[in-house]
N, C-alpha and C. Protein backbone atom coordinates (compact mmCIF):
# COMPACT_ATOMS: atom_id res chain seq x y z
N MET A 1 7.61 -13.80 16.84
CA MET A 1 7.89 -12.86 15.72
C MET A 1 6.78 -13.00 14.62
N THR A 2 6.44 -14.20 14.33
CA THR A 2 5.41 -14.38 13.30
C THR A 2 4.07 -13.70 13.61
N TYR A 3 3.57 -13.87 14.84
CA TYR A 3 2.41 -13.17 15.27
C TYR A 3 2.49 -11.66 15.23
N ALA A 4 3.67 -11.24 15.77
CA ALA A 4 3.78 -9.80 15.82
C ALA A 4 3.80 -9.22 14.41
N LEU A 5 4.60 -9.77 13.46
CA LEU A 5 4.75 -9.21 12.14
C LEU A 5 3.35 -9.35 11.44
N SER A 6 2.72 -10.50 11.65
CA SER A 6 1.33 -10.61 11.01
C SER A 6 0.28 -9.62 11.48
N CYS A 7 0.38 -9.34 12.80
CA CYS A 7 -0.54 -8.37 13.39
C CYS A 7 -0.15 -6.93 12.84
N LEU A 8 1.06 -6.65 12.75
CA LEU A 8 1.55 -5.33 12.23
C LEU A 8 1.12 -5.20 10.75
N LEU A 9 1.34 -6.20 9.92
CA LEU A 9 0.92 -6.16 8.58
C LEU A 9 -0.59 -6.04 8.37
N GLY A 10 -1.38 -6.73 9.22
CA GLY A 10 -2.82 -6.62 9.10
C GLY A 10 -3.27 -5.20 9.53
N ALA A 11 -2.69 -4.76 10.53
CA ALA A 11 -3.08 -3.34 11.02
C ALA A 11 -2.72 -2.28 9.97
N GLY A 12 -1.60 -2.44 9.35
CA GLY A 12 -1.22 -1.53 8.32
C GLY A 12 -2.10 -1.63 7.14
N ILE A 13 -2.48 -2.71 6.69
CA ILE A 13 -3.36 -2.87 5.55
C ILE A 13 -4.81 -2.32 5.84
N MET A 14 -5.35 -2.65 7.14
CA MET A 14 -6.56 -2.12 7.43
C MET A 14 -6.57 -0.63 7.51
N ASN A 15 -5.53 -0.03 8.16
CA ASN A 15 -5.43 1.39 8.27
C ASN A 15 -5.37 2.07 6.94
N ASN A 16 -4.54 1.52 5.96
CA ASN A 16 -4.54 2.06 4.65
C ASN A 16 -5.80 2.02 3.89
N THR A 17 -6.57 0.89 4.04
CA THR A 17 -7.80 0.69 3.33
C THR A 17 -8.81 1.64 3.90
N PHE A 18 -8.84 1.79 5.26
CA PHE A 18 -9.83 2.71 5.97
C PHE A 18 -9.58 4.18 5.55
N CYS A 19 -8.31 4.64 5.62
CA CYS A 19 -8.07 5.91 5.33
C CYS A 19 -8.28 6.27 3.83
N LEU A 20 -8.01 5.30 2.95
CA LEU A 20 -8.23 5.43 1.52
C LEU A 20 -9.71 5.59 1.26
N GLY A 21 -10.52 4.81 1.96
CA GLY A 21 -12.04 4.90 1.79
C GLY A 21 -12.56 6.21 2.29
N ILE A 22 -12.10 6.76 3.35
CA ILE A 22 -12.46 8.08 3.87
C ILE A 22 -12.11 9.02 2.79
N PHE A 23 -10.87 9.08 2.33
CA PHE A 23 -10.47 10.06 1.35
C PHE A 23 -11.22 9.93 0.11
N LEU A 24 -11.54 8.83 -0.40
CA LEU A 24 -12.27 8.65 -1.63
C LEU A 24 -13.73 9.21 -1.33
N GLY A 25 -14.26 9.02 -0.12
CA GLY A 25 -15.65 9.64 0.15
C GLY A 25 -15.62 11.11 0.18
N LEU A 26 -14.55 11.69 0.79
CA LEU A 26 -14.37 13.16 0.70
C LEU A 26 -14.30 13.72 -0.60
N VAL A 27 -13.51 13.10 -1.50
CA VAL A 27 -13.35 13.55 -2.87
C VAL A 27 -14.63 13.46 -3.54
N TYR A 28 -15.41 12.39 -3.32
CA TYR A 28 -16.66 12.27 -4.14
C TYR A 28 -17.75 13.14 -3.61
N PHE A 29 -18.01 13.27 -2.29
CA PHE A 29 -19.07 14.03 -1.71
C PHE A 29 -18.78 15.61 -1.72
N ARG A 30 -17.48 15.91 -1.70
CA ARG A 30 -17.17 17.38 -1.77
C ARG A 30 -16.92 17.85 -3.15
N GLY A 31 -16.84 16.87 -4.12
CA GLY A 31 -16.64 17.30 -5.53
C GLY A 31 -15.18 17.82 -5.77
N LEU A 32 -14.32 17.32 -5.04
CA LEU A 32 -12.88 17.70 -5.25
C LEU A 32 -12.29 17.14 -6.46
N ALA A 33 -11.29 17.79 -6.97
CA ALA A 33 -10.55 17.23 -8.15
C ALA A 33 -9.71 16.10 -7.82
N TRP A 34 -9.73 15.08 -8.56
CA TRP A 34 -9.00 13.82 -8.35
C TRP A 34 -7.65 14.00 -9.04
N GLU A 35 -6.54 13.98 -8.16
CA GLU A 35 -5.21 14.13 -8.58
C GLU A 35 -4.27 13.18 -7.87
N PHE A 36 -4.72 12.04 -7.57
CA PHE A 36 -4.11 11.14 -6.77
C PHE A 36 -4.06 9.70 -7.37
N THR A 37 -4.11 9.58 -8.67
CA THR A 37 -4.15 8.24 -9.26
C THR A 37 -2.92 7.45 -8.97
N ALA A 38 -1.75 8.08 -9.15
CA ALA A 38 -0.49 7.34 -8.97
C ALA A 38 -0.30 6.84 -7.49
N GLU A 39 -0.69 7.80 -6.58
CA GLU A 39 -0.46 7.43 -5.21
C GLU A 39 -1.50 6.27 -4.79
N THR A 40 -2.77 6.34 -5.29
CA THR A 40 -3.66 5.30 -4.89
C THR A 40 -3.25 3.95 -5.57
N LEU A 41 -2.80 3.96 -6.74
CA LEU A 41 -2.42 2.69 -7.35
C LEU A 41 -1.15 2.17 -6.65
N ALA A 42 -0.22 3.02 -6.17
CA ALA A 42 0.93 2.55 -5.46
C ALA A 42 0.42 1.84 -4.16
N ILE A 43 -0.39 2.49 -3.45
CA ILE A 43 -0.87 1.91 -2.17
C ILE A 43 -1.55 0.64 -2.34
N ILE A 44 -2.52 0.50 -3.33
CA ILE A 44 -3.17 -0.74 -3.56
C ILE A 44 -2.25 -1.86 -4.10
N SER A 45 -1.30 -1.51 -4.91
CA SER A 45 -0.38 -2.57 -5.34
C SER A 45 0.58 -3.05 -4.24
N ILE A 46 1.06 -2.20 -3.43
CA ILE A 46 1.73 -2.58 -2.18
C ILE A 46 0.92 -3.46 -1.20
N GLN A 47 -0.29 -3.01 -0.99
CA GLN A 47 -1.21 -3.92 -0.11
C GLN A 47 -1.36 -5.26 -0.74
N LEU A 48 -1.53 -5.37 -2.07
CA LEU A 48 -1.72 -6.66 -2.58
C LEU A 48 -0.47 -7.48 -2.52
N MET A 49 0.67 -6.89 -2.67
CA MET A 49 1.92 -7.66 -2.65
C MET A 49 2.22 -8.12 -1.15
N ILE A 50 1.92 -7.33 -0.24
CA ILE A 50 2.03 -7.76 1.16
C ILE A 50 1.01 -8.76 1.57
N GLY A 51 -0.25 -8.67 1.12
CA GLY A 51 -1.25 -9.64 1.35
C GLY A 51 -0.93 -10.95 0.74
N LEU A 52 -0.42 -11.02 -0.43
CA LEU A 52 0.00 -12.23 -1.14
C LEU A 52 1.14 -12.84 -0.35
N MET A 53 2.13 -12.08 0.02
CA MET A 53 3.21 -12.60 0.78
C MET A 53 2.78 -13.21 2.05
N VAL A 54 1.91 -12.54 2.81
CA VAL A 54 1.50 -13.11 4.10
C VAL A 54 0.54 -14.31 3.88
N TYR A 55 -0.27 -14.32 2.88
CA TYR A 55 -1.18 -15.45 2.66
C TYR A 55 -0.45 -16.75 2.39
N PHE A 56 0.67 -16.73 1.70
CA PHE A 56 1.25 -17.98 1.27
C PHE A 56 2.40 -18.37 2.31
N ARG A 57 2.58 -17.83 3.43
CA ARG A 57 3.52 -18.14 4.42
C ARG A 57 2.85 -18.67 5.67
N LYS A 58 3.48 -19.67 6.23
CA LYS A 58 2.93 -20.19 7.46
C LYS A 58 3.70 -19.48 8.64
N GLY A 59 4.90 -19.08 8.45
CA GLY A 59 5.70 -18.41 9.44
C GLY A 59 6.44 -17.28 8.82
N MET A 60 6.84 -16.29 9.62
CA MET A 60 7.55 -15.15 9.18
C MET A 60 8.99 -15.17 9.74
N LEU A 61 9.93 -14.87 8.97
CA LEU A 61 11.37 -14.77 9.34
C LEU A 61 11.78 -13.29 9.31
N LEU A 62 12.97 -13.04 9.66
CA LEU A 62 13.52 -11.77 9.66
C LEU A 62 13.65 -11.22 8.18
N ILE A 63 13.92 -12.09 7.26
CA ILE A 63 14.09 -11.67 5.85
C ILE A 63 12.77 -11.18 5.36
N HIS A 64 11.65 -11.73 5.82
CA HIS A 64 10.33 -11.26 5.40
C HIS A 64 9.98 -9.86 5.84
N GLY A 65 10.56 -9.58 7.08
CA GLY A 65 10.37 -8.20 7.54
C GLY A 65 11.17 -7.21 6.77
N CYS A 66 12.44 -7.59 6.35
CA CYS A 66 13.28 -6.81 5.52
C CYS A 66 12.58 -6.59 4.09
N VAL A 67 11.92 -7.64 3.58
CA VAL A 67 11.19 -7.46 2.34
C VAL A 67 10.17 -6.44 2.49
N VAL A 68 9.39 -6.56 3.60
CA VAL A 68 8.35 -5.54 3.81
C VAL A 68 8.82 -4.11 3.91
N LEU A 69 10.07 -3.96 4.54
CA LEU A 69 10.70 -2.62 4.55
C LEU A 69 11.11 -2.13 3.22
N LEU A 70 11.43 -3.06 2.31
CA LEU A 70 11.77 -2.62 0.92
C LEU A 70 10.55 -2.18 0.03
N PHE A 71 9.42 -2.55 0.58
CA PHE A 71 8.18 -2.17 -0.25
C PHE A 71 8.03 -0.61 -0.16
N TYR A 72 8.58 0.12 0.80
CA TYR A 72 8.38 1.55 0.94
C TYR A 72 9.07 2.21 -0.28
N PRO A 73 10.45 1.91 -0.47
CA PRO A 73 11.06 2.58 -1.65
C PRO A 73 10.42 2.01 -2.91
N LEU A 74 9.87 0.86 -2.90
CA LEU A 74 9.26 0.40 -4.18
C LEU A 74 7.95 1.26 -4.39
N ALA A 75 7.22 1.58 -3.38
CA ALA A 75 6.02 2.45 -3.55
C ALA A 75 6.47 3.76 -4.07
N LEU A 76 7.48 4.30 -3.55
CA LEU A 76 7.99 5.69 -4.06
C LEU A 76 8.45 5.54 -5.54
N MET A 77 9.11 4.46 -5.98
CA MET A 77 9.32 4.30 -7.31
C MET A 77 8.17 4.13 -8.27
N ILE A 78 7.20 3.41 -7.77
CA ILE A 78 5.97 3.29 -8.55
C ILE A 78 5.29 4.60 -8.69
N VAL A 79 5.23 5.47 -7.67
CA VAL A 79 4.62 6.79 -7.79
C VAL A 79 5.49 7.63 -8.82
N PHE A 80 6.77 7.59 -8.72
CA PHE A 80 7.67 8.35 -9.57
C PHE A 80 7.45 7.96 -11.06
N VAL A 81 7.44 6.67 -11.34
CA VAL A 81 7.20 6.23 -12.69
C VAL A 81 5.84 6.55 -13.20
N LEU A 82 4.84 6.36 -12.44
CA LEU A 82 3.45 6.66 -12.88
C LEU A 82 3.26 8.13 -13.14
N GLU A 83 3.86 8.96 -12.31
CA GLU A 83 3.73 10.50 -12.50
C GLU A 83 4.59 10.95 -13.65
N ASN A 84 5.88 10.50 -13.75
CA ASN A 84 6.81 11.07 -14.70
C ASN A 84 6.79 10.46 -16.10
N TYR A 85 6.57 9.13 -16.13
CA TYR A 85 6.79 8.44 -17.35
C TYR A 85 5.40 8.10 -18.01
N VAL A 86 4.43 7.73 -17.14
CA VAL A 86 3.06 7.37 -17.60
C VAL A 86 2.23 8.63 -17.80
N GLY A 87 2.47 9.57 -16.90
CA GLY A 87 1.75 10.88 -17.07
C GLY A 87 0.48 11.01 -16.20
N TRP A 88 0.33 9.99 -15.30
CA TRP A 88 -0.82 10.08 -14.40
C TRP A 88 -0.57 11.10 -13.25
N ASP A 89 -1.62 11.76 -12.78
CA ASP A 89 -1.41 12.71 -11.73
C ASP A 89 -1.52 12.03 -10.38
């Protein structure tokens, strides 16, 4: 379970980073309007939280998988707060 969860977390972080890099390149080279600050900060903050959680653990338990699942609603809440209360697009 530990190896499977670690591999899935690593693949998810690598995929998010790769896709975000491609997206940032498209925005820059095509001269598109940047309207994704809240979403980008939510992705980066969740990646950092998962990275820290995995870095300081020697093994993974079922509860750690449940915590990772709870990061999705947390990301939605981060985007909601940044867009509606902070005013970022």
